[in-house]
Amino acid sequence: MPFSYAKSPRTLTALEVHQQSLRNAQAVFGPLLG
């Protein structure tokens, strides 16, 4: 998922940004943790 909030920060809430960061972390660390 693209970082759309970088283009339009006012359209995302802090919670949505947090959830996106969690998905990014899962995508990175998921395979490493098995």
PDB file of N, CA and C in Angstrom:
ATOM      1  N   MET A   1       0.851  -1.201   0.000  1.00  0.00           N
ATOM      2  CA  MET A   1       0.000   0.000   0.000  1.00  0.00           C
ATOM      3  C   MET A   1       0.885   1.248   0.000  1.00  0.00           C
ATOM      4  N   PRO A   2       0.609   2.159  -0.899  1.00  0.00           N
ATOM      5  CA  PRO A   2       1.436   3.373  -1.025  1.00  0.00           C
ATOM      6  C   PRO A   2       1.262   4.306   0.157  1.00  0.00           C
ATOM      7  N   PHE A   3       2.258   5.142   0.380  1.00  0.00           N
ATOM      8  CA  PHE A   3       2.189   6.104   1.485  1.00  0.00           C
ATOM      9  C   PHE A   3       1.419   7.333   1.020  1.00  0.00           C
ATOM     10  N   SER A   4       0.109   7.158   0.853  1.00  0.00           N
ATOM     11  CA  SER A   4      -0.718   8.244   0.324  1.00  0.00           C
ATOM     12  C   SER A   4      -0.786   9.415   1.287  1.00  0.00           C
ATOM     13  N   TYR A   5      -0.575   9.144   2.586  1.00  0.00           N
ATOM     14  CA  TYR A   5      -0.698  10.222   3.564  1.00  0.00           C
ATOM     15  C   TYR A   5       0.446  11.228   3.414  1.00  0.00           C
ATOM     16  N   ALA A   6       1.486  10.838   2.680  1.00  0.00           N
ATOM     17  CA  ALA A   6       2.583  11.771   2.451  1.00  0.00           C
ATOM     18  C   ALA A   6       2.128  12.876   1.495  1.00  0.00           C
ATOM     19  N   LYS A   7       1.130  12.553   0.662  1.00  0.00           N
ATOM     20  CA  LYS A   7       0.624  13.530  -0.302  1.00  0.00           C
ATOM     21  C   LYS A   7      -0.544  14.318   0.280  1.00  0.00           C
ATOM     22  N   SER A   8      -1.346  13.657   1.102  1.00  0.00           N
ATOM     23  CA  SER A   8      -2.522  14.325   1.668  1.00  0.00           C
ATOM     24  C   SER A   8      -2.664  13.964   3.141  1.00  0.00           C
ATOM     25  N   PRO A   9      -1.846  14.558   3.992  1.00  0.00           N
ATOM     26  CA  PRO A   9      -1.819  14.200   5.417  1.00  0.00           C
ATOM     27  C   PRO A   9      -3.123  14.518   6.131  1.00  0.00           C
ATOM     28  N   ARG A  10      -3.882  15.466   5.606  1.00  0.00           N
ATOM     29  CA  ARG A  10      -5.105  15.890   6.289  1.00  0.00           C
ATOM     30  C   ARG A  10      -6.226  14.879   6.131  1.00  0.00           C
ATOM     31  N   THR A  11      -6.066  13.930   5.208  1.00  0.00           N
ATOM     32  CA  THR A  11      -7.143  12.979   4.948  1.00  0.00           C
ATOM     33  C   THR A  11      -7.039  11.756   5.845  1.00  0.00           C
ATOM     34  N   LEU A  12      -5.913  11.610   6.534  1.00  0.00           N
ATOM     35  CA  LEU A  12      -5.733  10.450   7.406  1.00  0.00           C
ATOM     36  C   LEU A  12      -5.675  10.872   8.863  1.00  0.00           C
ATOM     37  N   THR A  13      -6.246  10.042   9.700  1.00  0.00           N
ATOM     38  CA  THR A  13      -6.176  10.301  11.139  1.00  0.00           C
ATOM     39  C   THR A  13      -4.925   9.647  11.700  1.00  0.00           C
ATOM     40  N   ALA A  14      -4.596   9.973  12.916  1.00  0.00           N
ATOM     41  CA  ALA A  14      -3.415   9.384  13.544  1.00  0.00           C
ATOM     42  C   ALA A  14      -3.577   7.871  13.645  1.00  0.00           C
ATOM     43  N   LEU A  15      -4.813   7.419  13.863  1.00  0.00           N
ATOM     44  CA  LEU A  15      -5.055   5.984  13.988  1.00  0.00           C
ATOM     45  C   LEU A  15      -4.783   5.278  12.667  1.00  0.00           C
ATOM     46  N   GLU A  16      -5.201   5.891  11.567  1.00  0.00           N
ATOM     47  CA  GLU A  16      -4.987   5.267  10.264  1.00  0.00           C
ATOM     48  C   GLU A  16      -3.502   5.185   9.945  1.00  0.00           C
ATOM     49  N   VAL A  17      -2.765   6.229  10.301  1.00  0.00           N
ATOM     50  CA  VAL A  17      -1.320   6.214  10.073  1.00  0.00           C
ATOM     51  C   VAL A  17      -0.671   5.127  10.912  1.00  0.00           C
ATOM     52  N   HIS A  18      -1.153   4.989  12.161  1.00  0.00           N
ATOM     53  CA  HIS A  18      -0.621   3.966  13.058  1.00  0.00           C
ATOM     54  C   HIS A  18      -0.895   2.576  12.500  1.00  0.00           C
ATOM     55  N   GLN A  19      -2.116   2.357  12.012  1.00  0.00           N
ATOM     56  CA  GLN A  19      -2.476   1.052  11.460  1.00  0.00           C
ATOM     57  C   GLN A  19      -1.634   0.747  10.227  1.00  0.00           C
ATOM     58  N   GLN A  20      -1.368   1.767   9.418  1.00  0.00           N
ATOM     59  CA  GLN A  20      -0.555   1.550   8.224  1.00  0.00           C
ATOM     60  C   GLN A  20       0.867   1.168   8.619  1.00  0.00           C
ATOM     61  N   SER A  21       1.395   1.810   9.655  1.00  0.00           N
ATOM     62  CA  SER A  21       2.750   1.495  10.100  1.00  0.00           C
ATOM     63  C   SER A  21       2.816   0.069  10.638  1.00  0.00           C
ATOM     64  N   LEU A  22       1.724  -0.376  11.278  1.00  0.00           N
ATOM     65  CA  LEU A  22       1.678  -1.750  11.779  1.00  0.00           C
ATOM     66  C   LEU A  22       1.702  -2.735  10.618  1.00  0.00           C
ATOM     67  N   ARG A  23       0.948  -2.448   9.556  1.00  0.00           N
ATOM     68  CA  ARG A  23       0.927  -3.344   8.394  1.00  0.00           C
ATOM     69  C   ARG A  23       2.301  -3.388   7.743  1.00  0.00           C
ATOM     70  N   ASN A  24       2.963  -2.239   7.677  1.00  0.00           N
ATOM     71  CA  ASN A  24       4.300  -2.200   7.092  1.00  0.00           C
ATOM     72  C   ASN A  24       5.266  -3.030   7.924  1.00  0.00           C
ATOM     73  N   ALA A  25       5.152  -2.918   9.249  1.00  0.00           N
ATOM     74  CA  ALA A  25       6.034  -3.671  10.137  1.00  0.00           C
ATOM     75  C   ALA A  25       5.782  -5.168   9.990  1.00  0.00           C
ATOM     76  N   GLN A  26       4.519  -5.551   9.867  1.00  0.00           N
ATOM     77  CA  GLN A  26       4.179  -6.968   9.718  1.00  0.00           C
ATOM     78  C   GLN A  26       4.728  -7.500   8.396  1.00  0.00           C
ATOM     79  N   ALA A  27       4.680  -6.674   7.362  1.00  0.00           N
ATOM     80  CA  ALA A  27       5.169  -7.096   6.054  1.00  0.00           C
ATOM     81  C   ALA A  27       6.678  -7.309   6.090  1.00  0.00           C
ATOM     82  N   VAL A  28       7.367  -6.520   6.935  1.00  0.00           N
ATOM     83  CA  VAL A  28       8.823  -6.618   7.010  1.00  0.00           C
ATOM     84  C   VAL A  28       9.259  -7.730   7.956  1.00  0.00           C
ATOM     85  N   PHE A  29       8.653  -7.748   9.160  1.00  0.00           N
ATOM     86  CA  PHE A  29       9.108  -8.675  10.194  1.00  0.00           C
ATOM     87  C   PHE A  29       8.394 -10.022  10.151  1.00  0.00           C
ATOM     88  N   GLY A  30       7.257 -10.093   9.480  1.00  0.00           N
ATOM     89  CA  GLY A  30       6.515 -11.346   9.396  1.00  0.00           C
ATOM     90  C   GLY A  30       7.370 -12.498   8.883  1.00  0.00           C
ATOM     91  N   PRO A  31       7.971 -12.337   7.701  1.00  0.00           N
ATOM     92  CA  PRO A  31       8.811 -13.407   7.149  1.00  0.00           C
ATOM     93  C   PRO A  31      10.019 -13.722   8.030  1.00  0.00           C
ATOM     94  N   LEU A  32      10.546 -12.720   8.701  1.00  0.00           N
ATOM     95  CA  LEU A  32      11.725 -12.940   9.549  1.00  0.00           C
ATOM     96  C   LEU A  32      11.370 -13.761  10.778  1.00  0.00           C
ATOM     97  N   LEU A  33      10.172 -13.526  11.306  1.00  0.00           N
ATOM     98  CA  LEU A  33       9.744 -14.234  12.515  1.00  0.00           C
ATOM     99  C   LEU A  33       9.140 -15.597  12.180  1.00  0.00           C
ATOM    100  N   GLY A  34       8.907 -15.837  10.900  1.00  0.00           N
ATOM    101  CA  GLY A  34       8.330 -17.109  10.508  1.00  0.00           C
ATOM    102  C   GLY A  34       6.840 -17.090  10.657  1.00  0.00           C
TER     103      GLY A  34
END
